[in-house]
Amino acid sequence: MAQQVNEWLIALAVAFIRPLSLSLLLPLLKSGSLGAALLRNGVLMSLTFPILPIIYQQKIMMHIGKDYSWLGLVTGEVIIGFLIGFCAAVPFWAVDMAGFLLDTLRGATMGTIFNSTMEAETSLFGLLFSQFLCVIFFISGGMEFILNILYESYQYLPPGRT
């Protein structure tokens, strides 16, 4: 019984790495936009539950020995999550920079405010464009698209084999 619980916890930890590294770059899943890190981690934990049985069946625990083979597993998962997060975050960064450029051209660079989505100071138009893109992103099914990419990445790049 204890061995099975240990295997499930290892599978949960492995499944949690990829969404966590994705959320470090995607502005919508950062702790500043969700309110707190505990809330973000709860959301990410709920995102790992659909993939958890598949990872448990792959018996990743057998691939992790007493040596440092787990380091390659964690590094591969972090890199995959960062790549997905980077590709998803580029439009948000581009829109924020476009708003900053417009504010610079109109001479309103002194009016910067804190953007909780980007977790940085931004211009007024940058905040407006970022919030507008967030609305468009959720309405057009962007979050569902990101989750599909995340879940399909486990099929094409399974943990422990990347």
N, C-alpha and C. Protein backbone atom coordinates (compact mmCIF):
# COMPACT_ATOMS: atom_id res chain seq x y z
N MET A 1 0.82 -1.20 0.00
CA MET A 1 0.00 0.00 0.00
C MET A 1 0.87 1.26 0.00
N ALA A 2 1.88 1.27 0.87
CA ALA A 2 2.75 2.44 0.95
C ALA A 2 3.55 2.60 -0.34
N GLN A 3 3.93 1.50 -0.96
CA GLN A 3 4.67 1.56 -2.22
C GLN A 3 3.81 2.16 -3.32
N GLN A 4 2.53 1.80 -3.35
CA GLN A 4 1.63 2.33 -4.37
C GLN A 4 1.38 3.83 -4.16
N VAL A 5 1.24 4.25 -2.92
CA VAL A 5 1.08 5.68 -2.64
C VAL A 5 2.34 6.44 -3.05
N ASN A 6 3.49 5.86 -2.79
CA ASN A 6 4.75 6.47 -3.18
C ASN A 6 4.84 6.60 -4.70
N GLU A 7 4.41 5.59 -5.44
CA GLU A 7 4.43 5.64 -6.90
C GLU A 7 3.48 6.71 -7.43
N TRP A 8 2.30 6.83 -6.82
CA TRP A 8 1.35 7.86 -7.24
C TRP A 8 1.90 9.26 -6.97
N LEU A 9 2.57 9.44 -5.84
CA LEU A 9 3.14 10.75 -5.53
C LEU A 9 4.28 11.11 -6.49
N ILE A 10 5.07 10.13 -6.86
CA ILE A 10 6.13 10.40 -7.85
C ILE A 10 5.52 10.74 -9.20
N ALA A 11 4.46 10.03 -9.59
CA ALA A 11 3.78 10.34 -10.85
C ALA A 11 3.16 11.73 -10.81
N LEU A 12 2.61 12.12 -9.65
CA LEU A 12 2.04 13.46 -9.51
C LEU A 12 3.13 14.53 -9.61
N ALA A 13 4.26 14.28 -9.00
CA ALA A 13 5.36 15.25 -9.07
C ALA A 13 5.88 15.39 -10.50
N VAL A 14 5.99 14.28 -11.21
CA VAL A 14 6.46 14.34 -12.60
C VAL A 14 5.43 15.04 -13.47
N ALA A 15 4.15 14.78 -13.24
CA ALA A 15 3.10 15.41 -14.04
C ALA A 15 2.98 16.90 -13.74
N PHE A 16 3.41 17.33 -12.58
CA PHE A 16 3.27 18.73 -12.17
C PHE A 16 4.36 19.62 -12.75
N ILE A 17 5.49 19.04 -13.17
CA ILE A 17 6.63 19.84 -13.61
C ILE A 17 6.32 20.61 -14.89
N ARG A 18 5.74 19.96 -15.87
CA ARG A 18 5.50 20.60 -17.17
C ARG A 18 4.50 21.75 -17.08
N PRO A 19 3.33 21.58 -16.43
CA PRO A 19 2.43 22.74 -16.29
C PRO A 19 3.01 23.86 -15.44
N LEU A 20 3.82 23.51 -14.44
CA LEU A 20 4.43 24.55 -13.61
C LEU A 20 5.40 25.39 -14.42
N SER A 21 6.22 24.76 -15.23
CA SER A 21 7.17 25.54 -16.03
C SER A 21 6.45 26.31 -17.13
N LEU A 22 5.32 25.80 -17.63
CA LEU A 22 4.51 26.56 -18.58
C LEU A 22 3.96 27.81 -17.93
N SER A 23 3.51 27.70 -16.68
CA SER A 23 2.88 28.83 -16.01
C SER A 23 3.88 29.91 -15.62
N LEU A 24 5.16 29.59 -15.57
CA LEU A 24 6.14 30.61 -15.22
C LEU A 24 6.31 31.64 -16.33
N LEU A 25 5.96 31.29 -17.56
CA LEU A 25 6.09 32.24 -18.67
C LEU A 25 4.75 32.78 -19.16
N LEU A 26 3.69 31.99 -19.09
CA LEU A 26 2.39 32.42 -19.60
C LEU A 26 1.78 33.44 -18.64
N PRO A 27 1.51 34.67 -19.09
CA PRO A 27 1.02 35.70 -18.17
C PRO A 27 -0.32 35.38 -17.51
N LEU A 28 -1.16 34.60 -18.15
CA LEU A 28 -2.47 34.30 -17.57
C LEU A 28 -2.39 33.36 -16.38
N LEU A 29 -1.35 32.56 -16.30
CA LEU A 29 -1.22 31.59 -15.21
C LEU A 29 -0.19 32.00 -14.17
N LYS A 30 0.30 33.22 -14.23
CA LYS A 30 1.23 33.67 -13.21
C LYS A 30 0.48 33.94 -11.91
N SER A 31 1.19 33.90 -10.81
CA SER A 31 0.54 34.07 -9.52
C SER A 31 -0.01 35.49 -9.35
N GLY A 32 0.55 36.47 -10.04
CA GLY A 32 0.04 37.84 -9.95
C GLY A 32 -1.34 38.00 -10.55
N SER A 33 -1.63 37.27 -11.61
CA SER A 33 -2.94 37.39 -12.24
C SER A 33 -3.97 36.48 -11.58
N LEU A 34 -3.53 35.41 -10.92
CA LEU A 34 -4.47 34.52 -10.23
C LEU A 34 -4.69 34.91 -8.78
N GLY A 35 -3.88 35.78 -8.24
CA GLY A 35 -4.08 36.24 -6.87
C GLY A 35 -2.99 35.81 -5.92
N ALA A 36 -2.60 34.56 -5.94
CA ALA A 36 -1.56 34.08 -5.03
C ALA A 36 -0.94 32.82 -5.62
N ALA A 37 0.24 32.50 -5.12
CA ALA A 37 0.94 31.31 -5.61
C ALA A 37 0.21 30.04 -5.22
N LEU A 38 -0.43 30.04 -4.05
CA LEU A 38 -1.16 28.86 -3.61
C LEU A 38 -2.34 28.58 -4.54
N LEU A 39 -3.03 29.62 -4.96
CA LEU A 39 -4.14 29.46 -5.89
C LEU A 39 -3.65 28.98 -7.25
N ARG A 40 -2.53 29.54 -7.71
CA ARG A 40 -1.95 29.10 -8.98
C ARG A 40 -1.57 27.63 -8.93
N ASN A 41 -0.95 27.22 -7.83
CA ASN A 41 -0.55 25.82 -7.70
C ASN A 41 -1.76 24.90 -7.64
N GLY A 42 -2.86 25.35 -7.04
CA GLY A 42 -4.08 24.56 -7.04
C GLY A 42 -4.66 24.39 -8.44
N VAL A 43 -4.64 25.48 -9.21
CA VAL A 43 -5.11 25.40 -10.60
C VAL A 43 -4.22 24.47 -11.41
N LEU A 44 -2.92 24.58 -11.22
CA LEU A 44 -1.99 23.71 -11.95
C LEU A 44 -2.13 22.26 -11.53
N MET A 45 -2.40 22.03 -10.26
CA MET A 45 -2.60 20.66 -9.79
C MET A 45 -3.84 20.06 -10.44
N SER A 46 -4.89 20.87 -10.58
CA SER A 46 -6.10 20.36 -11.24
C SER A 46 -5.86 20.10 -12.72
N LEU A 47 -4.91 20.81 -13.32
CA LEU A 47 -4.57 20.56 -14.72
C LEU A 47 -3.76 19.28 -14.90
N THR A 48 -3.11 18.81 -13.84
CA THR A 48 -2.31 17.59 -13.94
C THR A 48 -3.13 16.33 -13.74
N PHE A 49 -4.30 16.43 -13.13
CA PHE A 49 -5.09 15.23 -12.83
C PHE A 49 -5.52 14.45 -14.07
N PRO A 50 -5.90 15.08 -15.19
CA PRO A 50 -6.29 14.26 -16.36
C PRO A 50 -5.15 13.42 -16.93
N ILE A 51 -3.93 13.85 -16.78
CA ILE A 51 -2.80 13.12 -17.36
C ILE A 51 -2.15 12.18 -16.36
N LEU A 52 -2.54 12.26 -15.11
CA LEU A 52 -1.91 11.48 -14.05
C LEU A 52 -2.00 9.96 -14.24
N PRO A 53 -3.15 9.38 -14.62
CA PRO A 53 -3.17 7.92 -14.82
C PRO A 53 -2.26 7.44 -15.95
N ILE A 54 -2.13 8.25 -16.98
CA ILE A 54 -1.26 7.87 -18.10
C ILE A 54 0.20 7.85 -17.65
N ILE A 55 0.60 8.84 -16.89
CA ILE A 55 1.97 8.88 -16.40
C ILE A 55 2.22 7.75 -15.41
N TYR A 56 1.22 7.42 -14.61
CA TYR A 56 1.38 6.32 -13.65
C TYR A 56 1.55 4.99 -14.38
N GLN A 57 0.83 4.81 -15.49
CA GLN A 57 0.94 3.56 -16.25
C GLN A 57 2.28 3.42 -16.96
N GLN A 58 2.94 4.54 -17.22
CA GLN A 58 4.24 4.47 -17.90
C GLN A 58 5.35 3.98 -16.98
N LYS A 59 5.06 3.87 -15.70
CA LYS A 59 6.02 3.36 -14.71
C LYS A 59 7.35 4.11 -14.78
N ILE A 60 7.24 5.41 -14.65
CA ILE A 60 8.44 6.26 -14.68
C ILE A 60 9.33 5.96 -13.48
N MET A 61 8.71 5.46 -12.41
CA MET A 61 9.48 5.18 -11.20
C MET A 61 10.58 4.15 -11.47
N MET A 62 10.36 3.26 -12.44
CA MET A 62 11.39 2.26 -12.76
C MET A 62 12.58 2.88 -13.47
N HIS A 63 12.35 4.00 -14.17
CA HIS A 63 13.44 4.65 -14.89
C HIS A 63 14.29 5.52 -13.97
N ILE A 64 13.73 5.87 -12.81
CA ILE A 64 14.45 6.73 -11.88
C ILE A 64 15.20 5.84 -10.91
N GLY A 65 16.49 5.85 -10.99
CA GLY A 65 17.31 5.01 -10.11
C GLY A 65 17.90 5.82 -8.97
N LYS A 66 18.87 5.23 -8.33
CA LYS A 66 19.55 5.92 -7.24
C LYS A 66 20.56 6.94 -7.76
N ASP A 67 20.92 6.83 -9.03
CA ASP A 67 21.85 7.79 -9.60
C ASP A 67 21.11 9.08 -9.94
N TYR A 68 21.69 9.90 -10.77
CA TYR A 68 21.09 11.19 -11.09
C TYR A 68 20.28 11.16 -12.37
N SER A 69 19.63 10.05 -12.68
CA SER A 69 18.81 9.98 -13.89
C SER A 69 17.55 10.83 -13.77
N TRP A 70 17.11 11.11 -12.56
CA TRP A 70 15.94 11.96 -12.37
C TRP A 70 16.23 13.39 -12.79
N LEU A 71 17.51 13.79 -12.76
CA LEU A 71 17.87 15.15 -13.16
C LEU A 71 17.58 15.38 -14.64
N GLY A 72 17.85 14.39 -15.47
CA GLY A 72 17.52 14.50 -16.89
C GLY A 72 16.02 14.54 -17.13
N LEU A 73 15.26 13.79 -16.33
CA LEU A 73 13.80 13.79 -16.44
C LEU A 73 13.24 15.17 -16.11
N VAL A 74 13.68 15.74 -15.00
CA VAL A 74 13.19 17.06 -14.58
C VAL A 74 13.61 18.13 -15.57
N THR A 75 14.84 18.07 -16.05
CA THR A 75 15.33 19.06 -17.01
C THR A 75 14.54 18.99 -18.32
N GLY A 76 14.28 17.79 -18.80
CA GLY A 76 13.49 17.65 -20.03
C GLY A 76 12.07 18.17 -19.87
N GLU A 77 11.44 17.90 -18.73
CA GLU A 77 10.08 18.38 -18.49
C GLU A 77 10.04 19.90 -18.39
N VAL A 78 11.03 20.48 -17.73
CA VAL A 78 11.08 21.94 -17.60
C VAL A 78 11.28 22.60 -18.96
N ILE A 79 12.14 22.04 -19.78
CA ILE A 79 12.40 22.62 -21.11
C ILE A 79 11.15 22.55 -21.98
N ILE A 80 10.45 21.42 -21.95
CA ILE A 80 9.22 21.30 -22.74
C ILE A 80 8.17 22.30 -22.26
N GLY A 81 8.01 22.42 -20.96
CA GLY A 81 7.05 23.39 -20.42
C GLY A 81 7.41 24.82 -20.76
N PHE A 82 8.71 25.15 -20.68
CA PHE A 82 9.16 26.49 -21.05
C PHE A 82 8.91 26.77 -22.53
N LEU A 83 9.13 25.80 -23.39
CA LEU A 83 8.90 26.01 -24.83
C LEU A 83 7.43 26.27 -25.13
N ILE A 84 6.55 25.50 -24.51
CA ILE A 84 5.12 25.72 -24.70
C ILE A 84 4.71 27.08 -24.14
N GLY A 85 5.21 27.40 -22.95
CA GLY A 85 4.88 28.69 -22.33
C GLY A 85 5.43 29.87 -23.11
N PHE A 86 6.63 29.71 -23.66
CA PHE A 86 7.22 30.79 -24.45
C PHE A 86 6.40 31.07 -25.70
N CYS A 87 6.03 30.00 -26.40
CA CYS A 87 5.23 30.18 -27.62
C CYS A 87 3.86 30.79 -27.30
N ALA A 88 3.30 30.45 -26.16
CA ALA A 88 1.99 31.00 -25.79
C ALA A 88 2.10 32.43 -25.28
N ALA A 89 3.24 32.82 -24.72
CA ALA A 89 3.38 34.14 -24.13
C ALA A 89 3.80 35.22 -25.12
N VAL A 90 4.33 34.83 -26.26
CA VAL A 90 4.82 35.82 -27.23
C VAL A 90 3.74 36.82 -27.65
N PRO A 91 2.50 36.40 -27.96
CA PRO A 91 1.49 37.41 -28.31
C PRO A 91 1.20 38.41 -27.19
N PHE A 92 1.24 37.97 -25.94
CA PHE A 92 0.99 38.87 -24.82
C PHE A 92 2.13 39.89 -24.69
N TRP A 93 3.36 39.44 -24.85
CA TRP A 93 4.49 40.36 -24.80
C TRP A 93 4.45 41.33 -25.97
N ALA A 94 4.07 40.86 -27.15
CA ALA A 94 4.02 41.72 -28.34
C ALA A 94 2.96 42.80 -28.18
N VAL A 95 1.81 42.44 -27.65
CA VAL A 95 0.74 43.42 -27.46
C VAL A 95 1.14 44.45 -26.41
N ASP A 96 1.80 44.02 -25.36
CA ASP A 96 2.25 44.95 -24.33
C ASP A 96 3.28 45.92 -24.90
N MET A 97 4.19 45.42 -25.72
CA MET A 97 5.20 46.30 -26.32
C MET A 97 4.57 47.25 -27.34
N ALA A 98 3.54 46.79 -28.05
CA ALA A 98 2.86 47.68 -29.00
C ALA A 98 2.19 48.83 -28.25
N GLY A 99 1.57 48.53 -27.13
CA GLY A 99 0.96 49.59 -26.32
C GLY A 99 2.00 50.54 -25.76
N PHE A 100 3.13 50.00 -25.32
CA PHE A 100 4.20 50.86 -24.81
C PHE A 100 4.75 51.75 -25.91
N LEU A 101 4.87 51.21 -27.13
CA LEU A 101 5.34 52.00 -28.26
C LEU A 101 4.36 53.13 -28.58
N LEU A 102 3.08 52.84 -28.56
CA LEU A 102 2.09 53.89 -28.82
C LEU A 102 2.14 54.97 -27.75
N ASP A 103 2.29 54.58 -26.50
CA ASP A 103 2.39 55.58 -25.44
C ASP A 103 3.67 56.40 -25.56
N THR A 104 4.74 55.79 -26.02
CA THR A 104 5.99 56.53 -26.22
C THR A 104 5.82 57.53 -27.35
N LEU A 105 5.16 57.13 -28.41
CA LEU A 105 4.96 58.03 -29.55
C LEU A 105 4.04 59.19 -29.22
N ARG A 106 3.11 59.00 -28.32
CA ARG A 106 2.21 60.10 -27.97
C ARG A 106 2.70 60.88 -26.75
N GLY A 107 3.86 60.48 -26.20
CA GLY A 107 4.49 61.25 -25.13
C GLY A 107 3.90 61.00 -23.76
N ALA A 108 3.38 59.84 -23.51
CA ALA A 108 2.75 59.54 -22.22
C ALA A 108 3.49 58.44 -21.48
N THR A 109 4.82 58.49 -21.52
CA THR A 109 5.58 57.43 -20.85
C THR A 109 5.63 57.61 -19.35
N MET A 110 5.29 58.77 -18.83
CA MET A 110 5.30 58.97 -17.37
C MET A 110 4.10 58.31 -16.71
N GLY A 111 3.10 57.97 -17.48
CA GLY A 111 1.88 57.38 -16.92
C GLY A 111 1.92 55.87 -16.90
N THR A 112 2.96 55.29 -16.33
CA THR A 112 3.03 53.83 -16.26
C THR A 112 2.30 53.35 -15.01
N ILE A 113 1.69 52.18 -15.12
CA ILE A 113 0.99 51.57 -14.00
C ILE A 113 1.42 50.12 -13.89
N PHE A 114 1.09 49.49 -12.76
CA PHE A 114 1.48 48.10 -12.55
C PHE A 114 0.45 47.18 -13.20
N ASN A 115 0.91 46.32 -14.09
CA ASN A 115 0.06 45.36 -14.77
C ASN A 115 0.20 44.02 -14.04
N SER A 116 -0.85 43.59 -13.36
CA SER A 116 -0.76 42.35 -12.59
C SER A 116 -0.68 41.12 -13.48
N THR A 117 -1.16 41.22 -14.71
CA THR A 117 -1.08 40.08 -15.62
C THR A 117 0.37 39.84 -16.05
N MET A 118 1.08 40.89 -16.37
CA MET A 118 2.47 40.76 -16.81
C MET A 118 3.45 40.82 -15.64
N GLU A 119 2.97 41.19 -14.45
CA GLU A 119 3.78 41.35 -13.25
C GLU A 119 4.93 42.33 -13.47
N ALA A 120 4.63 43.45 -14.09
CA ALA A 120 5.63 44.48 -14.34
C ALA A 120 4.89 45.79 -14.59
N GLU A 121 5.66 46.88 -14.58
CA GLU A 121 5.05 48.16 -14.93
C GLU A 121 4.86 48.22 -16.43
N THR A 122 3.75 48.79 -16.82
CA THR A 122 3.43 48.89 -18.24
C THR A 122 2.74 50.22 -18.50
N SER A 123 2.63 50.57 -19.75
CA SER A 123 1.97 51.82 -20.11
C SER A 123 0.46 51.63 -20.11
N LEU A 124 -0.26 52.73 -20.23
CA LEU A 124 -1.72 52.66 -20.21
C LEU A 124 -2.26 51.86 -21.39
N PHE A 125 -1.75 52.14 -22.58
CA PHE A 125 -2.20 51.37 -23.74
C PHE A 125 -1.72 49.93 -23.68
N GLY A 126 -0.55 49.70 -23.10
CA GLY A 126 -0.07 48.34 -22.93
C GLY A 126 -1.00 47.53 -22.04
N LEU A 127 -1.48 48.15 -20.95
CA LEU A 127 -2.44 47.47 -20.08
C LEU A 127 -3.76 47.24 -20.80
N LEU A 128 -4.22 48.25 -21.53
CA LEU A 128 -5.48 48.11 -22.27
C LEU A 128 -5.39 46.99 -23.30
N PHE A 129 -4.31 46.98 -24.06
CA PHE A 129 -4.15 45.94 -25.08
C PHE A 129 -3.97 44.55 -24.46
N SER A 130 -3.25 44.47 -23.34
CA SER A 130 -3.05 43.18 -22.67
C SER A 130 -4.37 42.63 -22.15
N GLN A 131 -5.17 43.48 -21.54
CA GLN A 131 -6.45 43.02 -21.01
C GLN A 131 -7.40 42.65 -22.16
N PHE A 132 -7.33 43.41 -23.24
CA PHE A 132 -8.15 43.09 -24.40
C PHE A 132 -7.75 41.74 -25.00
N LEU A 133 -6.45 41.47 -25.06
CA LEU A 133 -5.98 40.19 -25.58
C LEU A 133 -6.37 39.04 -24.65
N CYS A 134 -6.37 39.28 -23.34
CA CYS A 134 -6.82 38.24 -22.40
C CYS A 134 -8.27 37.87 -22.66
N VAL A 135 -9.11 38.87 -22.88
CA VAL A 135 -10.52 38.60 -23.17
C VAL A 135 -10.66 37.84 -24.48
N ILE A 136 -9.98 38.29 -25.51
CA ILE A 136 -10.02 37.62 -26.81
C ILE A 136 -9.49 36.19 -26.68
N PHE A 137 -8.44 36.01 -25.89
CA PHE A 137 -7.82 34.71 -25.70
C PHE A 137 -8.81 33.72 -25.09
N PHE A 138 -9.53 34.14 -24.06
CA PHE A 138 -10.48 33.23 -23.42
C PHE A 138 -11.73 33.02 -24.26
N ILE A 139 -12.20 34.06 -24.93
CA ILE A 139 -13.42 33.93 -25.74
C ILE A 139 -13.18 33.03 -26.95
N SER A 140 -12.01 33.16 -27.57
CA SER A 140 -11.75 32.39 -28.79
C SER A 140 -11.27 30.97 -28.52
N GLY A 141 -11.19 30.56 -27.27
CA GLY A 141 -10.78 29.20 -26.95
C GLY A 141 -9.28 29.02 -26.87
N GLY A 142 -8.56 30.08 -26.58
CA GLY A 142 -7.11 30.00 -26.50
C GLY A 142 -6.62 29.14 -25.35
N MET A 143 -7.32 29.21 -24.22
CA MET A 143 -6.89 28.40 -23.07
C MET A 143 -7.11 26.91 -23.36
N GLU A 144 -8.20 26.60 -24.04
CA GLU A 144 -8.44 25.21 -24.43
C GLU A 144 -7.36 24.74 -25.41
N PHE A 145 -6.94 25.63 -26.30
CA PHE A 145 -5.88 25.30 -27.25
C PHE A 145 -4.56 25.03 -26.53
N ILE A 146 -4.23 25.86 -25.54
CA ILE A 146 -3.00 25.66 -24.77
C ILE A 146 -3.06 24.34 -24.00
N LEU A 147 -4.21 24.04 -23.41
CA LEU A 147 -4.34 22.77 -22.68
C LEU A 147 -4.25 21.57 -23.61
N ASN A 148 -4.82 21.69 -24.82
CA ASN A 148 -4.67 20.60 -25.79
C ASN A 148 -3.21 20.39 -26.17
N ILE A 149 -2.48 21.47 -26.36
CA ILE A 149 -1.06 21.35 -26.67
C ILE A 149 -0.32 20.72 -25.50
N LEU A 150 -0.66 21.13 -24.29
CA LEU A 150 0.00 20.56 -23.11
C LEU A 150 -0.26 19.07 -22.99
N TYR A 151 -1.52 18.66 -23.14
CA TYR A 151 -1.85 17.24 -23.00
C TYR A 151 -1.31 16.40 -24.16
N GLU A 152 -1.31 16.95 -25.37
CA GLU A 152 -0.76 16.21 -26.50
C GLU A 152 0.76 16.12 -26.43
N SER A 153 1.38 17.06 -25.73
CA SER A 153 2.83 16.97 -25.58
C SER A 153 3.23 15.74 -24.76
N TYR A 154 2.35 15.30 -23.87
CA TYR A 154 2.63 14.07 -23.13
C TYR A 154 2.57 12.84 -24.03
N GLN A 155 1.76 12.93 -25.09
CA GLN A 155 1.66 11.81 -26.02
C GLN A 155 2.89 11.76 -26.93
N TYR A 156 3.30 12.92 -27.45
CA TYR A 156 4.42 12.94 -28.39
C TYR A 156 5.78 12.95 -27.70
N LEU A 157 5.85 13.57 -26.54
CA LEU A 157 7.09 13.64 -25.77
C LEU A 157 6.83 13.12 -24.36
N PRO A 158 6.71 11.82 -24.19
CA PRO A 158 6.39 11.28 -22.87
C PRO A 158 7.52 11.52 -21.87
N PRO A 159 7.18 11.70 -20.61
CA PRO A 159 8.22 11.93 -19.60
C PRO A 159 9.15 10.73 -19.49
N GLY A 160 10.40 11.01 -19.32
CA GLY A 160 11.39 9.96 -19.18
C GLY A 160 11.96 9.45 -20.49
N ARG A 161 11.38 9.88 -21.59
CA ARG A 161 11.85 9.42 -22.90
C ARG A 161 12.27 10.59 -23.79
N THR A 162 12.36 11.78 -23.21
CA THR A 162 12.74 12.96 -23.98
C THR A 162 14.20 13.26 -23.80
